[in-house]
């Protein structure tokens, strides 16, 4: 065990670290060799982990109450970067592994992490009914499988006044490395959960939303669609905005059960938007009556 002290900070405490010399070191297994499925650990979810990338994302995870297990950081960054040093201090007494850049670049995607990774414990997910209590605008993702799209949708949901995000079991997990990185850590800032396996989607799930007072809005290009700024739609107190999988969109059974089918007017012969881009437009227009939006208005 080694330590360094950041002499530039008055009264700074030393940070102990373990230096990794070889890529095949067992300490790197959780970062380099475990798959997302192994980290998720469905058979023993209480032991589930995820990897947060970059000081900003790790910081937002810590603020969201997630517990760190270990940190892997480029040696130069640990010695010189003030933001990284601050995050290390917030992580508390956990193993801090460090290595030279040449070792860490063997990790897939390390150049995108701003030199820092953190293994963290997953939390137990809340129930659908609990997470939607008090919400006026929620996003529902149906089988969105691309983690980049999931991360981008979360970033839009957090920024554009959604109160929560609900995912069906076919969706990519928001805590996958790519999803949380693309979201810029907003997966730790906005409440979310998966539709419980005891619910059949869309039948039971949409019935539950309706029982809680939500009108359901399908984002789809259909002949009976209304414009996204339809006056009747905007008057609804509680809306669940449902977005479908890449390519095929929403299932026919879901469309049949929705209260509204909404389309975004387009030009130049374009017939559709990527689901992440469509989410940003929908959340901005439909989120103006959300709890989050009203709180922001009150602050101003």
Protein backbone atom coordinates (compact mmCIF):
# COMPACT_ATOMS: atom_id res chain seq x y z
CA UNK A 1 0.00 0.00 0.00
CA UNK A 2 1.34 3.41 -0.98
CA UNK A 3 0.06 6.91 -0.36
CA UNK A 4 0.45 10.39 -1.67
CA UNK A 5 -0.45 13.75 -0.22
CA UNK A 6 -1.72 16.62 -2.31
CA UNK A 7 0.55 19.29 -0.93
CA UNK A 8 -1.33 22.04 -2.80
CA UNK A 9 -4.35 21.59 -0.51
CA UNK A 10 -3.86 22.92 2.99
CA UNK A 11 -4.40 20.20 5.56
CA UNK A 12 -5.11 17.55 2.93
CA UNK A 13 -5.15 13.99 4.20
CA UNK A 14 -3.09 11.33 2.45
CA UNK A 15 -4.79 8.97 0.01
CA UNK A 16 -3.64 5.35 0.09
CA UNK A 17 -3.47 3.47 -3.19
CA UNK A 18 -2.47 0.13 -4.68
CA UNK A 19 -0.41 0.34 -7.86
CA UNK A 20 -1.27 -2.16 -10.62
CA UNK A 21 1.62 -3.14 -12.88
CA UNK A 22 -0.03 -5.73 -15.16
CA UNK A 23 -3.33 -5.80 -17.05
CA UNK A 24 -4.02 -9.39 -15.90
CA UNK A 25 -3.90 -8.43 -12.22
CA UNK A 26 -6.97 -9.87 -10.41
CA UNK A 27 -7.80 -6.42 -8.99
CA UNK A 28 -8.77 -5.40 -12.53
CA UNK A 29 -11.26 -8.25 -13.05
CA UNK A 30 -14.32 -6.20 -12.09
CA UNK A 31 -13.28 -3.44 -14.52
CA UNK A 32 -11.78 -5.45 -17.37
CA UNK A 33 -13.17 -8.97 -17.43
CA UNK A 34 -16.65 -9.15 -15.89
CA UNK A 35 -19.53 -8.74 -18.34
CA UNK A 36 -22.51 -6.48 -17.68
CA UNK A 37 -24.59 -9.61 -17.00
CA UNK A 38 -22.07 -10.82 -14.42
CA UNK A 39 -22.04 -7.43 -12.73
CA UNK A 40 -25.85 -7.33 -12.68
CA UNK A 41 -25.88 -10.76 -10.97
CA UNK A 42 -29.58 -11.61 -11.46
CA UNK A 43 -29.34 -14.74 -9.30
CA UNK A 44 -28.03 -12.70 -6.36
CA UNK A 45 -29.14 -9.10 -6.98
CA UNK A 46 -28.06 -8.11 -3.49
CA UNK A 47 -24.48 -8.56 -4.70
CA UNK A 48 -25.00 -6.66 -7.97
CA UNK A 49 -22.46 -4.06 -9.05
CA UNK A 50 -22.07 -1.48 -11.79
CA UNK A 51 -19.18 0.58 -13.10
CA UNK A 52 -19.42 4.38 -13.13
CA UNK A 53 -17.08 6.24 -15.49
CA UNK A 54 -15.49 9.70 -15.12
CA UNK A 55 -15.31 11.97 -12.07
CA UNK A 56 -18.59 13.74 -12.96
CA UNK A 57 -20.61 10.53 -13.28
CA UNK A 58 -19.03 9.03 -10.16
CA UNK A 59 -19.73 12.23 -8.23
CA UNK A 60 -23.40 12.18 -9.22
CA UNK A 61 -23.66 8.51 -8.21
CA UNK A 62 -22.21 9.33 -4.78
CA UNK A 63 -24.66 12.23 -4.42
CA UNK A 64 -27.43 9.78 -5.33
CA UNK A 65 -26.50 7.59 -2.37
CA UNK A 66 -24.74 4.77 -4.25
CA UNK A 67 -22.03 2.99 -2.27
CA UNK A 68 -18.54 2.71 -3.85
CA UNK A 69 -16.61 -0.57 -3.63
CA UNK A 70 -13.31 0.32 -5.28
CA UNK A 71 -11.80 2.91 -7.63
CA UNK A 72 -9.46 2.58 -10.58
CA UNK A 73 -7.71 5.78 -11.63
CA UNK A 74 -4.85 6.78 -13.90
CA UNK A 75 -1.82 7.57 -11.76
CA UNK A 76 -1.09 10.95 -13.32
CA UNK A 77 -4.70 12.06 -12.91
CA UNK A 78 -4.79 10.96 -9.29
CA UNK A 79 -1.76 13.10 -8.57
CA UNK A 80 -2.71 16.20 -10.54
CA UNK A 81 -6.46 16.53 -11.14
CA UNK A 82 -8.31 18.41 -8.37
CA UNK A 83 -11.75 17.03 -9.30
CA UNK A 84 -10.44 13.45 -9.18
CA UNK A 85 -8.77 14.04 -5.81
CA UNK A 86 -12.03 15.43 -4.40
CA UNK A 87 -13.99 12.37 -5.63
CA UNK A 88 -11.42 10.03 -4.08
CA UNK A 89 -11.88 11.76 -0.74
CA UNK A 90 -15.67 11.43 -0.99
CA UNK A 91 -15.35 7.69 -1.67
CA UNK A 92 -13.99 7.09 1.82
CA UNK A 93 -11.96 4.10 2.92
CA UNK A 94 -12.13 1.80 -0.11
CA UNK A 95 -9.36 0.27 -2.27
CA UNK A 96 -7.92 2.78 -4.75
CA UNK A 97 -6.15 1.06 -7.63
CA UNK A 98 -3.92 3.03 -9.94
CA UNK A 99 -1.77 2.28 -12.97
CA UNK A 100 0.08 4.03 -15.73
CA UNK A 101 -1.87 5.05 -18.83
CA UNK A 102 -0.23 2.30 -20.93
CA UNK A 103 -1.77 -0.39 -18.69
CA UNK A 104 -5.22 1.20 -18.50
CA UNK A 105 -5.63 1.77 -22.24
CA UNK A 106 -5.98 -2.00 -22.61
CA UNK A 107 -9.37 -1.57 -20.94
CA UNK A 108 -12.10 -1.25 -23.55
CA UNK A 109 -13.23 2.35 -23.79
CA UNK A 110 -10.89 3.66 -21.11
CA UNK A 111 -10.00 6.72 -23.17
CA UNK A 112 -13.65 7.81 -22.82
CA UNK A 113 -13.68 7.68 -19.02
CA UNK A 114 -11.58 10.76 -18.24
CA UNK A 115 -9.18 8.49 -16.41
CA UNK A 116 -11.39 7.19 -13.61
CA UNK A 117 -13.67 4.19 -12.98
CA UNK A 118 -15.57 3.24 -9.83
CA UNK A 119 -17.21 -0.08 -8.95
CA UNK A 120 -20.41 0.60 -6.99
CA UNK A 121 -23.19 -1.41 -5.35
CA UNK A 122 -26.62 -1.48 -6.96
CA UNK A 123 -29.69 -0.47 -4.96
CA UNK A 124 -32.96 -2.33 -4.59
CA UNK A 125 -35.38 -0.89 -7.12
CA UNK A 126 -38.59 0.77 -5.89
CA UNK A 127 -42.05 -0.43 -6.89
CA UNK A 128 -43.83 1.18 -9.84
CA UNK A 129 -46.58 2.55 -7.60
CA UNK A 130 -44.08 4.08 -5.17
CA UNK A 131 -41.97 5.80 -7.80
CA UNK A 132 -44.99 7.33 -9.56
CA UNK A 133 -46.57 8.72 -6.41
CA UNK A 134 -46.72 12.51 -6.67
CA UNK A 135 -45.58 12.55 -10.32
CA UNK A 136 -47.36 14.43 -13.09
CA UNK A 137 -45.15 13.51 -16.07
CA UNK A 138 -43.33 10.21 -16.43
CA UNK A 139 -41.46 8.58 -19.30
CA UNK A 140 -42.04 4.91 -20.09
CA UNK A 141 -39.49 3.04 -22.22
CA UNK A 142 -40.76 -0.09 -23.95
CA UNK A 143 -37.98 -2.49 -24.98
CA UNK A 144 -35.41 0.22 -25.75
CA UNK A 145 -32.40 -2.06 -26.03
CA UNK A 146 -29.57 0.25 -27.07
CA UNK A 147 -27.75 1.51 -23.94
CA UNK A 148 -26.68 4.68 -25.76
CA UNK A 149 -30.32 5.53 -26.45
CA UNK A 150 -31.31 4.69 -22.88
CA UNK A 151 -28.61 7.02 -21.54
CA UNK A 152 -29.58 9.82 -23.91
CA UNK A 153 -33.27 9.47 -23.00
CA UNK A 154 -32.45 9.68 -19.30
CA UNK A 155 -30.45 12.85 -19.88
CA UNK A 156 -33.39 14.41 -21.72
CA UNK A 157 -35.87 13.21 -19.10
CA UNK A 158 -33.85 14.74 -16.28
CA UNK A 159 -33.25 18.01 -18.12
CA UNK A 160 -36.70 18.46 -19.66
CA UNK A 161 -39.03 18.09 -16.69
CA UNK A 162 -39.93 14.41 -16.45
CA UNK A 163 -40.55 13.36 -12.86
CA UNK A 164 -39.53 9.70 -13.28
CA UNK A 165 -38.62 7.02 -15.84
CA UNK A 166 -40.19 3.56 -16.05
CA UNK A 167 -38.61 0.75 -18.10
CA UNK A 168 -40.15 -2.51 -19.32
CA UNK A 169 -38.12 -5.71 -18.75
CA UNK A 170 -36.86 -5.70 -22.36
CA UNK A 171 -34.93 -2.44 -21.92
CA UNK A 172 -31.19 -2.09 -21.49
CA UNK A 173 -30.25 -1.43 -17.86
CA UNK A 174 -29.64 2.29 -17.13
CA UNK A 175 -26.60 1.39 -14.99
CA UNK A 176 -24.72 -0.27 -17.83
CA UNK A 177 -21.46 1.59 -18.30
CA UNK A 178 -22.34 3.11 -21.66
CA UNK A 179 -25.85 4.13 -20.57
CA UNK A 180 -24.72 5.91 -17.41
CA UNK A 181 -21.82 7.57 -19.25
CA UNK A 182 -24.02 8.87 -22.09
CA UNK A 183 -26.54 10.10 -19.52
CA UNK A 184 -23.76 12.15 -17.88
CA UNK A 185 -24.80 10.65 -14.57
CA UNK A 186 -28.44 11.74 -14.76
CA UNK A 187 -29.46 8.10 -14.17
CA UNK A 188 -28.50 8.90 -10.56
CA UNK A 189 -30.54 12.12 -10.46
CA UNK A 190 -34.00 11.13 -11.70
CA UNK A 191 -36.12 8.40 -10.04
CA UNK A 192 -36.50 5.23 -12.13
CA UNK A 193 -37.45 1.58 -11.94
CA UNK A 194 -38.32 -1.43 -14.06
CA UNK A 195 -41.87 -2.71 -14.44
CA UNK A 196 -42.03 -5.53 -11.90
CA UNK A 197 -41.96 -9.04 -13.35
CA UNK A 198 -45.24 -9.70 -11.56
CA UNK A 199 -46.85 -7.27 -14.04
CA UNK A 200 -47.55 -8.31 -17.61
CA UNK A 201 -46.71 -5.45 -19.97
CA UNK A 202 -48.64 -3.76 -21.43
CA UNK A 203 -51.82 -5.17 -19.85
CA UNK A 204 -51.07 -5.01 -16.12
CA UNK A 205 -48.53 -2.19 -16.34
CA UNK A 206 -50.79 0.21 -18.20
CA UNK A 207 -53.74 -0.72 -16.00
CA UNK A 208 -51.62 0.21 -12.99
CA UNK A 209 -50.71 3.58 -14.54
CA UNK A 210 -54.34 4.26 -15.35
CA UNK A 211 -55.37 3.39 -11.79
CA UNK A 212 -52.91 6.03 -10.56
CA UNK A 213 -54.60 8.63 -12.77
CA UNK A 214 -52.20 8.73 -15.73
CA UNK A 215 -53.32 9.20 -19.29
CA UNK A 216 -51.01 7.24 -21.58
CA UNK A 217 -49.39 8.88 -24.62
CA UNK A 218 -47.89 6.69 -27.36
CA UNK A 219 -45.23 8.35 -29.49
CA UNK A 220 -45.94 6.86 -32.92
CA UNK A 221 -46.64 7.79 -36.54
CA UNK A 222 -50.23 6.68 -37.01
CA UNK A 223 -53.15 8.06 -39.00
CA UNK A 224 -55.14 8.78 -35.86
CA UNK A 225 -52.23 10.65 -34.20
CA UNK A 226 -52.70 14.11 -32.73
CA UNK A 227 -50.04 16.81 -32.81
CA UNK A 228 -47.77 17.00 -29.81
CA UNK A 229 -49.15 20.45 -28.89
CA UNK A 230 -52.80 19.34 -29.01
CA UNK A 231 -54.74 21.53 -26.52
CA UNK A 232 -56.67 18.61 -24.97
CA UNK A 233 -53.43 16.72 -24.44
CA UNK A 234 -51.73 19.68 -22.79
CA UNK A 235 -54.62 20.04 -20.31
CA UNK A 236 -54.14 16.53 -18.90
CA UNK A 237 -52.94 16.62 -15.31
CA UNK A 238 -50.94 13.37 -15.41
CA UNK A 239 -49.28 11.92 -18.51
CA UNK A 240 -47.18 8.81 -19.11
CA UNK A 241 -45.17 9.33 -22.32
CA UNK A 242 -44.41 5.91 -23.87
CA UNK A 243 -41.51 5.45 -26.30
CA UNK A 244 -40.83 2.25 -28.21
CA UNK A 245 -37.91 0.18 -29.32
CA UNK A 246 -35.53 1.26 -32.06
CA UNK A 247 -36.84 0.39 -35.51
CA UNK A 248 -40.16 -1.30 -34.75
CA UNK A 249 -41.51 1.29 -32.33
CA UNK A 250 -44.28 0.44 -29.88
CA UNK A 251 -46.06 -2.91 -29.85
CA UNK A 252 -49.55 -3.02 -31.38
CA UNK A 253 -51.00 -4.08 -28.01
CA UNK A 254 -49.50 -1.01 -26.38
CA UNK A 255 -50.79 1.33 -29.07
CA UNK A 256 -54.28 -0.15 -28.74
CA UNK A 257 -54.39 0.58 -25.02
CA UNK A 258 -53.02 4.17 -25.08
CA UNK A 259 -55.30 7.15 -24.52
CA UNK A 260 -53.44 9.28 -27.08
CA UNK A 261 -51.21 8.56 -30.04
CA UNK A 262 -48.96 11.53 -30.69
CA UNK A 263 -46.68 12.47 -33.56
CA UNK A 264 -44.03 15.15 -33.98
CA UNK A 265 -44.62 17.21 -37.16
CA UNK A 266 -41.63 16.93 -39.53
CA UNK A 267 -40.41 18.44 -42.78
CA UNK A 268 -38.20 17.68 -45.80
CA UNK A 269 -39.73 14.24 -46.21
CA UNK A 270 -38.29 12.92 -42.94
CA UNK A 271 -40.63 10.27 -41.54
CA UNK A 272 -39.18 9.65 -38.08
CA UNK A 273 -36.58 10.59 -35.48
CA UNK A 274 -34.23 8.44 -33.46
CA UNK A 275 -36.00 7.47 -30.23
CA UNK A 276 -33.59 9.55 -28.13
CA UNK A 277 -34.12 12.65 -30.30
CA UNK A 278 -37.88 12.13 -30.27
CA UNK A 279 -37.83 11.84 -26.49
CA UNK A 280 -36.21 15.27 -26.12
CA UNK A 281 -38.91 16.93 -28.25
CA UNK A 282 -41.71 15.10 -26.45
CA UNK A 283 -40.38 15.77 -22.96
CA UNK A 284 -39.93 19.48 -23.63
CA UNK A 285 -43.42 19.95 -25.00
CA UNK A 286 -45.30 17.61 -22.67
CA UNK A 287 -43.24 18.25 -19.56
CA UNK A 288 -44.41 21.82 -19.02
CA UNK A 289 -47.00 20.65 -16.50
CA UNK A 290 -44.63 18.40 -14.56
CA UNK A 291 -43.82 18.68 -10.86
CA UNK A 292 -40.19 19.37 -11.80
CA UNK A 293 -41.11 22.18 -14.18
CA UNK A 294 -43.35 23.87 -11.64
CA UNK A 295 -40.65 23.69 -8.94
CA UNK A 296 -38.18 25.34 -11.32
CA UNK A 297 -40.70 28.06 -12.14
CA UNK A 298 -41.24 28.75 -8.45
CA UNK A 299 -37.47 29.12 -7.91
CA UNK A 300 -37.26 31.70 -10.67
